[in-house]
Amino acid sequence: MAHPQVTRPAFHKGINYFDLNYHRGFRWYQGHFPLARIAERKAACFGGPVAFEASGYYLYHPFALERLARDLPHVKLVVMLRDPVERAFSHYKERRSNGTEPLTLAEAVDAEPVRLAGEAARIVSEPGYVSFAHRHQSYVDQGRYAPMLERWFAAFGRDRVQVEVSEEMYASPQPVVDRVTARLGLPARALEHPEPYNAEPDEGFDPEVRARLRELLAPDVAAVEQLLGRSLPWSTD
């Protein structure tokens, strides 16, 4: 976020501390953010600095919620949800591009239950265990948002978790940014570059596989709509 009071991590926005790097300790986590005096100098003309990071795996990881609630009990949370069908294909394409997914998407969807079997339980029973399958081959399951949101709402309270929708941000980014800054207690600021990045549906998505995923995830989309009390722009046709 290009707000003068918002300070991002020094290296990359996703630190993955509360899921993959918790064993490194909180000082390691703090080391990813600029020194307080630097952040304060940057924000001096506008108000106090607000630090953030963005690690998408936190929402799905079995331990991230518990750890974050314990270590940062007053944290303000924003969850950005994407059409779970398009998310699945984007996730799959990333795995294919780096050579770690040998299967077609249809084959990977079929293989997912076997690949994930017991992985979440093993993460819980072996806190240092990092599951490649759980993180990288959960194309469908990471799009089942309702159970994840329910856990986070229960831990932090519904009013502490702000849920936004990627497609709505792409269509009209300023209102979404205004809601986030308002939640953070920051003054509104016009976006300097409101053009969306990576907003279009992925090309090369087999229509039969897309239709299959749409049908498979339709009950999950309905569950999220019921949980949030609103409709979502994810067609179930």
C-alpha atoms as a PDB file:
ATOM      1  CA  MET A   1       0.000   0.000   0.000  1.00  0.00           C
ATOM      2  CA  ALA A   2       1.512   3.348  -1.060  1.00  0.00           C
ATOM      3  CA  HIS A   3       0.336   5.225   2.024  1.00  0.00           C
ATOM      4  CA  PRO A   4       3.039   7.349   3.676  1.00  0.00           C
ATOM      5  CA  GLN A   5       2.236   5.946   7.118  1.00  0.00           C
ATOM      6  CA  VAL A   6       2.286   2.300   6.063  1.00  0.00           C
ATOM      7  CA  THR A   7       5.623   0.527   6.402  1.00  0.00           C
ATOM      8  CA  ARG A   8       6.178  -2.775   4.641  1.00  0.00           C
ATOM      9  CA  PRO A   9       8.856  -5.369   5.419  1.00  0.00           C
ATOM     10  CA  ALA A  10      12.297  -4.481   4.128  1.00  0.00           C
ATOM     11  CA  PHE A  11      12.755  -7.508   1.844  1.00  0.00           C
ATOM     12  CA  HIS A  12       9.372  -8.808   0.678  1.00  0.00           C
ATOM     13  CA  LYS A  13       5.809  -8.368   1.881  1.00  0.00           C
ATOM     14  CA  GLY A  14       5.285 -12.024   2.841  1.00  0.00           C
ATOM     15  CA  ILE A  15       7.480 -13.086   5.772  1.00  0.00           C
ATOM     16  CA  ASN A  16       5.744 -16.415   6.521  1.00  0.00           C
ATOM     17  CA  TYR A  17       6.811 -16.241  10.145  1.00  0.00           C
ATOM     18  CA  PHE A  18       3.716 -17.578  11.875  1.00  0.00           C
ATOM     19  CA  ASP A  19       3.451 -20.562   9.533  1.00  0.00           C
ATOM     20  CA  LEU A  20       6.876 -21.660   8.240  1.00  0.00           C
ATOM     21  CA  ASN A  21       9.492 -19.740  10.236  1.00  0.00           C
ATOM     22  CA  TYR A  22       8.116 -19.598  13.762  1.00  0.00           C
ATOM     23  CA  HIS A  23      11.042 -21.589  15.106  1.00  0.00           C
ATOM     24  CA  ARG A  24      13.337 -18.668  14.243  1.00  0.00           C
ATOM     25  CA  GLY A  25      11.877 -16.545  17.036  1.00  0.00           C
ATOM     26  CA  PHE A  26      10.190 -13.169  17.295  1.00  0.00           C
ATOM     27  CA  ARG A  27      13.420 -11.172  17.009  1.00  0.00           C
ATOM     28  CA  TRP A  28      13.940 -12.754  13.577  1.00  0.00           C
ATOM     29  CA  TYR A  29      10.429 -11.601  12.624  1.00  0.00           C
ATOM     30  CA  GLN A  30      11.024  -8.068  13.882  1.00  0.00           C
ATOM     31  CA  GLY A  31      14.250  -7.945  11.885  1.00  0.00           C
ATOM     32  CA  HIS A  32      12.253  -7.887   8.663  1.00  0.00           C
ATOM     33  CA  PHE A  33      10.805  -4.456   9.414  1.00  0.00           C
ATOM     34  CA  PRO A  34      12.608  -1.110   9.205  1.00  0.00           C
ATOM     35  CA  LEU A  35      13.927   0.355  12.432  1.00  0.00           C
ATOM     36  CA  ALA A  36      11.307   2.361  14.294  1.00  0.00           C
ATOM     37  CA  ARG A  37      13.214   5.609  13.890  1.00  0.00           C
ATOM     38  CA  ILE A  38      13.363   5.151  10.118  1.00  0.00           C
ATOM     39  CA  ALA A  39       9.650   4.374   9.885  1.00  0.00           C
ATOM     40  CA  GLU A  40       8.816   7.326  12.113  1.00  0.00           C
ATOM     41  CA  ARG A  41      10.938   9.666   9.999  1.00  0.00           C
ATOM     42  CA  LYS A  42       9.163   8.498   6.841  1.00  0.00           C
ATOM     43  CA  ALA A  43       5.716   9.076   8.369  1.00  0.00           C
ATOM     44  CA  ALA A  44       6.592  12.212  10.358  1.00  0.00           C
ATOM     45  CA  CYS A  45       4.604  14.603   8.180  1.00  0.00           C
ATOM     46  CA  PHE A  46       1.493  12.436   8.257  1.00  0.00           C
ATOM     47  CA  GLY A  47       1.310  10.671  11.639  1.00  0.00           C
ATOM     48  CA  GLY A  48       2.688   7.558  13.303  1.00  0.00           C
ATOM     49  CA  PRO A  49       3.808   4.585  11.190  1.00  0.00           C
ATOM     50  CA  VAL A  50       1.805   1.378  10.797  1.00  0.00           C
ATOM     51  CA  ALA A  51       3.692  -1.817   9.928  1.00  0.00           C
ATOM     52  CA  PHE A  52       2.186  -4.597   7.852  1.00  0.00           C
ATOM     53  CA  GLU A  53       3.041  -7.848   6.136  1.00  0.00           C
ATOM     54  CA  ALA A  54       1.071 -10.141   3.834  1.00  0.00           C
ATOM     55  CA  SER A  55       1.504 -13.924   4.013  1.00  0.00           C
ATOM     56  CA  GLY A  56      -1.310 -15.764   2.260  1.00  0.00           C
ATOM     57  CA  TYR A  57      -0.581 -19.168   3.813  1.00  0.00           C
ATOM     58  CA  TYR A  58      -1.459 -17.877   7.302  1.00  0.00           C
ATOM     59  CA  LEU A  59      -5.166 -18.279   6.598  1.00  0.00           C
ATOM     60  CA  TYR A  60      -4.831 -21.983   5.781  1.00  0.00           C
ATOM     61  CA  HIS A  61      -2.010 -23.101   8.064  1.00  0.00           C
ATOM     62  CA  PRO A  62      -3.143 -25.028  11.193  1.00  0.00           C
ATOM     63  CA  PHE A  63      -0.876 -23.140  13.633  1.00  0.00           C
ATOM     64  CA  ALA A  64      -0.586 -19.599  12.228  1.00  0.00           C
ATOM     65  CA  LEU A  65      -3.825 -18.433  13.829  1.00  0.00           C
ATOM     66  CA  GLU A  66      -2.917 -19.678  17.307  1.00  0.00           C
ATOM     67  CA  ARG A  67       0.581 -18.206  17.135  1.00  0.00           C
ATOM     68  CA  LEU A  68      -0.524 -14.845  15.799  1.00  0.00           C
ATOM     69  CA  ALA A  69      -3.272 -14.509  18.416  1.00  0.00           C
ATOM     70  CA  ARG A  70      -0.745 -15.243  21.174  1.00  0.00           C
ATOM     71  CA  ASP A  71       2.092 -13.022  19.956  1.00  0.00           C
ATOM     72  CA  LEU A  72       0.150 -10.129  18.411  1.00  0.00           C
ATOM     73  CA  PRO A  73      -3.199 -10.117  20.223  1.00  0.00           C
ATOM     74  CA  HIS A  74      -4.108  -6.595  19.076  1.00  0.00           C
ATOM     75  CA  VAL A  75      -3.221  -7.072  15.419  1.00  0.00           C
ATOM     76  CA  LYS A  76      -5.646  -5.800  12.784  1.00  0.00           C
ATOM     77  CA  LEU A  77      -6.387  -8.349  10.084  1.00  0.00           C
ATOM     78  CA  VAL A  78      -7.401  -7.991   6.447  1.00  0.00           C
ATOM     79  CA  VAL A  79      -8.306 -11.072   4.411  1.00  0.00           C
ATOM     80  CA  MET A  80      -8.449 -10.752   0.630  1.00  0.00           C
ATOM     81  CA  LEU A  81     -10.491 -13.498  -1.034  1.00  0.00           C
ATOM     82  CA  ARG A  82     -10.271 -14.377  -4.708  1.00  0.00           C
ATOM     83  CA  ASP A  83     -12.636 -16.449  -6.821  1.00  0.00           C
ATOM     84  CA  PRO A  84     -11.581 -19.907  -5.581  1.00  0.00           C
ATOM     85  CA  VAL A  85     -11.715 -21.420  -9.063  1.00  0.00           C
ATOM     86  CA  GLU A  86      -9.403 -18.809 -10.562  1.00  0.00           C
ATOM     87  CA  ARG A  87      -7.243 -19.039  -7.433  1.00  0.00           C
ATOM     88  CA  ALA A  88      -6.867 -22.797  -7.928  1.00  0.00           C
ATOM     89  CA  PHE A  89      -5.694 -22.395 -11.509  1.00  0.00           C
ATOM     90  CA  SER A  90      -3.313 -19.556 -10.658  1.00  0.00           C
ATOM     91  CA  HIS A  91      -1.841 -21.663  -7.854  1.00  0.00           C
ATOM     92  CA  TYR A  92      -1.472 -24.601 -10.222  1.00  0.00           C
ATOM     93  CA  LYS A  93       0.216 -22.498 -12.910  1.00  0.00           C
ATOM     94  CA  GLU A  94       2.748 -21.257 -10.383  1.00  0.00           C
ATOM     95  CA  ARG A  95       3.645 -24.839  -9.458  1.00  0.00           C
ATOM     96  CA  ARG A  96       3.927 -25.848 -13.111  1.00  0.00           C
ATOM     97  CA  SER A  97       6.102 -22.869 -13.962  1.00  0.00           C
ATOM     98  CA  ASN A  98       8.689 -23.741 -11.337  1.00  0.00           C
ATOM     99  CA  GLY A  99       8.710 -27.415 -12.250  1.00  0.00           C
ATOM    100  CA  THR A 100       7.264 -28.850  -9.035  1.00  0.00           C
ATOM    101  CA  GLU A 101       3.924 -30.090 -10.407  1.00  0.00           C
ATOM    102  CA  PRO A 102       4.173 -33.001 -12.900  1.00  0.00           C
ATOM    103  CA  LEU A 103       0.416 -33.566 -13.237  1.00  0.00           C
ATOM    104  CA  THR A 104      -2.213 -31.857 -15.341  1.00  0.00           C
ATOM    105  CA  LEU A 105      -4.662 -29.745 -13.375  1.00  0.00           C
ATOM    106  CA  ALA A 106      -7.379 -32.366 -13.754  1.00  0.00           C
ATOM    107  CA  GLU A 107      -5.002 -35.042 -12.472  1.00  0.00           C
ATOM    108  CA  ALA A 108      -3.869 -32.802  -9.617  1.00  0.00           C
ATOM    109  CA  VAL A 109      -7.464 -32.205  -8.544  1.00  0.00           C
ATOM    110  CA  ASP A 110      -8.024 -35.973  -8.500  1.00  0.00           C
ATOM    111  CA  ALA A 111      -4.792 -36.523  -6.565  1.00  0.00           C
ATOM    112  CA  GLU A 112      -5.364 -33.768  -4.017  1.00  0.00           C
ATOM    113  CA  PRO A 113      -7.259 -35.785  -1.373  1.00  0.00           C
ATOM    114  CA  VAL A 114      -4.524 -38.423  -1.326  1.00  0.00           C
ATOM    115  CA  ARG A 115      -1.748 -35.841  -1.329  1.00  0.00           C
ATOM    116  CA  LEU A 116      -3.290 -33.962   1.607  1.00  0.00           C
ATOM    117  CA  ALA A 117      -4.345 -36.995   3.624  1.00  0.00           C
ATOM    118  CA  GLY A 118      -2.874 -36.677   7.115  1.00  0.00           C
ATOM    119  CA  GLU A 119      -0.751 -33.617   6.311  1.00  0.00           C
ATOM    120  CA  ALA A 120      -2.637 -31.119   8.488  1.00  0.00           C
ATOM    121  CA  ALA A 121      -2.633 -33.597  11.371  1.00  0.00           C
ATOM    122  CA  ARG A 122       1.107 -34.137  10.964  1.00  0.00           C
ATOM    123  CA  ILE A 123       1.748 -30.375  11.041  1.00  0.00           C
ATOM    124  CA  VAL A 124      -0.167 -30.243  14.319  1.00  0.00           C
ATOM    125  CA  SER A 125       1.601 -33.253  15.834  1.00  0.00           C
ATOM    126  CA  GLU A 126       5.054 -32.215  14.575  1.00  0.00           C
ATOM    127  CA  PRO A 127       5.195 -28.398  14.943  1.00  0.00           C
ATOM    128  CA  GLY A 128       8.446 -28.111  12.972  1.00  0.00           C
ATOM    129  CA  TYR A 129       7.121 -30.104  10.028  1.00  0.00           C
ATOM    130  CA  VAL A 130       6.704 -28.200   6.740  1.00  0.00           C
ATOM    131  CA  SER A 131       4.364 -29.939   4.330  1.00  0.00           C
ATOM    132  CA  PHE A 132       4.983 -29.311   0.652  1.00  0.00           C
ATOM    133  CA  ALA A 133       1.650 -30.878  -0.261  1.00  0.00           C
ATOM    134  CA  HIS A 134      -0.326 -28.869   2.293  1.00  0.00           C
ATOM    135  CA  ARG A 135       1.138 -25.584   1.143  1.00  0.00           C
ATOM    136  CA  HIS A 136       1.629 -26.122  -2.567  1.00  0.00           C
ATOM    137  CA  GLN A 137      -0.721 -28.850  -3.798  1.00  0.00           C
ATOM    138  CA  SER A 138      -3.919 -27.781  -2.017  1.00  0.00           C
ATOM    139  CA  TYR A 139      -5.370 -26.169  -5.146  1.00  0.00           C
ATOM    140  CA  VAL A 140      -8.994 -26.836  -4.207  1.00  0.00           C
ATOM    141  CA  ASP A 141      -8.833 -26.951  -0.440  1.00  0.00           C
ATOM    142  CA  GLN A 142      -7.259 -23.512  -0.051  1.00  0.00           C
ATOM    143  CA  GLY A 143     -10.317 -22.141  -1.823  1.00  0.00           C
ATOM    144  CA  ARG A 144     -12.686 -23.500   0.819  1.00  0.00           C
ATOM    145  CA  TYR A 145     -12.683 -20.253   2.717  1.00  0.00           C
ATOM    146  CA  ALA A 146     -15.625 -20.638   5.114  1.00  0.00           C
ATOM    147  CA  PRO A 147     -13.988 -23.029   7.631  1.00  0.00           C
ATOM    148  CA  MET A 148     -10.858 -20.885   7.698  1.00  0.00           C
ATOM    149  CA  LEU A 149     -12.797 -17.669   8.222  1.00  0.00           C
ATOM    150  CA  GLU A 150     -14.870 -19.248  10.981  1.00  0.00           C
ATOM    151  CA  ARG A 151     -11.689 -20.119  12.888  1.00  0.00           C
ATOM    152  CA  TRP A 152     -10.278 -16.619  12.556  1.00  0.00           C
ATOM    153  CA  PHE A 153     -13.580 -14.985  13.492  1.00  0.00           C
ATOM    154  CA  ALA A 154     -13.784 -17.189  16.575  1.00  0.00           C
ATOM    155  CA  ALA A 155     -10.239 -16.342  17.646  1.00  0.00           C
ATOM    156  CA  PHE A 156     -10.222 -12.590  16.999  1.00  0.00           C
ATOM    157  CA  GLY A 157     -13.890 -11.584  16.783  1.00  0.00           C
ATOM    158  CA  ARG A 158     -15.757 -10.839  13.585  1.00  0.00           C
ATOM    159  CA  ASP A 159     -15.102  -7.112  13.843  1.00  0.00           C
ATOM    160  CA  ARG A 160     -11.331  -7.666  13.980  1.00  0.00           C
ATOM    161  CA  VAL A 161     -11.140  -9.474  10.634  1.00  0.00           C
ATOM    162  CA  GLN A 162     -11.859  -7.329   7.594  1.00  0.00           C
ATOM    163  CA  VAL A 163     -12.795  -9.409   4.554  1.00  0.00           C
ATOM    164  CA  GLU A 164     -12.389  -7.930   1.082  1.00  0.00           C
ATOM    165  CA  VAL A 165     -12.868  -9.437  -2.377  1.00  0.00           C
ATOM    166  CA  SER A 166     -10.165  -9.266  -5.040  1.00  0.00           C
ATOM    167  CA  GLU A 167     -12.566  -8.902  -7.969  1.00  0.00           C
ATOM    168  CA  GLU A 168     -14.191  -5.888  -6.317  1.00  0.00           C
ATOM    169  CA  MET A 169     -10.797  -4.330  -5.704  1.00  0.00           C
ATOM    170  CA  TYR A 170      -9.864  -4.858  -9.354  1.00  0.00           C
ATOM    171  CA  ALA A 171     -13.111  -3.256 -10.507  1.00  0.00           C
ATOM    172  CA  SER A 172     -12.931  -0.275  -8.123  1.00  0.00           C
ATOM    173  CA  PRO A 173      -9.763  -0.157  -6.020  1.00  0.00           C
ATOM    174  CA  GLN A 174     -10.219   3.174  -4.244  1.00  0.00           C
ATOM    175  CA  PRO A 175     -13.241   2.192  -2.100  1.00  0.00           C
ATOM    176  CA  VAL A 176     -11.470  -0.992  -0.959  1.00  0.00           C
ATOM    177  CA  VAL A 177      -8.339   0.930  -0.018  1.00  0.00           C
ATOM    178  CA  ASP A 178     -10.466   3.526   1.770  1.00  0.00           C
ATOM    179  CA  ARG A 179     -12.115   0.806   3.863  1.00  0.00           C
ATOM    180  CA  VAL A 180      -8.741  -0.658   4.793  1.00  0.00           C
ATOM    181  CA  THR A 181      -7.208   2.671   5.758  1.00  0.00           C
ATOM    182  CA  ALA A 182     -10.317   3.541   7.777  1.00  0.00           C
ATOM    183  CA  ARG A 183     -10.016   0.231   9.643  1.00  0.00           C
ATOM    184  CA  LEU A 184      -6.374   1.050  10.403  1.00  0.00           C
ATOM    185  CA  GLY A 185      -7.303   4.514  11.647  1.00  0.00           C
ATOM    186  CA  LEU A 186      -5.379   6.199   8.831  1.00  0.00           C
ATOM    187  CA  PRO A 187      -6.493   9.214   6.793  1.00  0.00           C
ATOM    188  CA  ALA A 188      -7.844   8.429   3.345  1.00  0.00           C
ATOM    189  CA  ARG A 189      -5.432   8.928   0.484  1.00  0.00           C
ATOM    190  CA  ALA A 190      -6.070   8.832  -3.255  1.00  0.00           C
ATOM    191  CA  LEU A 191      -4.309   6.034  -5.101  1.00  0.00           C
ATOM    192  CA  GLU A 192      -1.519   7.292  -7.321  1.00  0.00           C
ATOM    193  CA  HIS A 193      -1.574   4.206  -9.551  1.00  0.00           C
ATOM    194  CA  PRO A 194      -5.043   2.625  -9.379  1.00  0.00           C
ATOM    195  CA  GLU A 195      -4.548   0.369 -12.395  1.00  0.00           C
ATOM    196  CA  PRO A 196      -5.101  -3.263 -11.310  1.00  0.00           C
ATOM    197  CA  TYR A 197      -2.280  -5.785 -11.632  1.00  0.00           C
ATOM    198  CA  ASN A 198      -2.958  -9.391 -12.574  1.00  0.00           C
ATOM    199  CA  ALA A 199      -6.709  -8.713 -12.539  1.00  0.00           C
ATOM    200  CA  GLU A 200      -7.748 -10.733 -15.571  1.00  0.00           C
ATOM    201  CA  PRO A 201      -8.726 -14.426 -15.382  1.00  0.00           C
ATOM    202  CA  ASP A 202      -5.858 -16.735 -16.278  1.00  0.00           C
ATOM    203  CA  GLU A 203      -5.626 -17.732 -19.933  1.00  0.00           C
ATOM    204  CA  GLY A 204      -5.300 -21.352 -20.963  1.00  0.00           C
ATOM    205  CA  PHE A 205      -7.763 -22.621 -18.372  1.00  0.00           C
ATOM    206  CA  ASP A 206      -9.409 -25.761 -19.765  1.00  0.00           C
ATOM    207  CA  PRO A 207     -13.153 -24.921 -19.800  1.00  0.00           C
ATOM    208  CA  GLU A 208     -14.096 -28.451 -18.756  1.00  0.00           C
ATOM    209  CA  VAL A 209     -11.789 -28.324 -15.747  1.00  0.00           C
ATOM    210  CA  ARG A 210     -13.039 -24.841 -14.895  1.00  0.00           C
ATOM    211  CA  ALA A 211     -16.637 -26.053 -15.012  1.00  0.00           C
ATOM    212  CA  ARG A 212     -15.742 -29.035 -12.862  1.00  0.00           C
ATOM    213  CA  LEU A 213     -14.078 -26.820 -10.261  1.00  0.00           C
ATOM    214  CA  ARG A 214     -16.981 -24.392 -10.374  1.00  0.00           C
ATOM    215  CA  GLU A 215     -19.373 -27.217  -9.548  1.00  0.00           C
ATOM    216  CA  LEU A 216     -17.047 -28.693  -6.940  1.00  0.00           C
ATOM    217  CA  LEU A 217     -16.614 -25.383  -5.112  1.00  0.00           C
ATOM    218  CA  ALA A 218     -20.163 -24.057  -5.462  1.00  0.00           C
ATOM    219  CA  PRO A 219     -21.201 -25.263  -1.975  1.00  0.00           C
ATOM    220  CA  ASP A 220     -18.139 -23.584  -0.502  1.00  0.00           C
ATOM    221  CA  VAL A 221     -18.935 -20.291  -2.226  1.00  0.00           C
ATOM    222  CA  ALA A 222     -22.480 -20.517  -0.829  1.00  0.00           C
ATOM    223  CA  ALA A 223     -21.057 -21.178   2.646  1.00  0.00           C
ATOM    224  CA  VAL A 224     -18.900 -18.047   2.456  1.00  0.00           C
ATOM    225  CA  GLU A 225     -21.864 -15.983   1.296  1.00  0.00           C
ATOM    226  CA  GLN A 226     -23.924 -17.237   4.220  1.00  0.00           C
ATOM    227  CA  LEU A 227     -21.092 -16.579   6.673  1.00  0.00           C
ATOM    228  CA  LEU A 228     -20.498 -13.034   5.412  1.00  0.00           C
ATOM    229  CA  GLY A 229     -24.182 -12.274   4.845  1.00  0.00           C
ATOM    230  CA  ARG A 230     -23.621 -11.023   1.317  1.00  0.00           C
ATOM    231  CA  SER A 231     -23.411 -12.210  -2.274  1.00  0.00           C
ATOM    232  CA  LEU A 232     -20.055 -12.638  -3.977  1.00  0.00           C
ATOM    233  CA  PRO A 233     -19.077 -11.943  -7.592  1.00  0.00           C
ATOM    234  CA  TRP A 234     -18.086 -15.562  -8.277  1.00  0.00           C
ATOM    235  CA  SER A 235     -20.404 -17.052 -10.836  1.00  0.00           C
ATOM    236  CA  THR A 236     -21.658 -20.568 -10.133  1.00  0.00           C
ATOM    237  CA  ASP A 237     -23.130 -21.037 -13.622  1.00  0.00           C
END
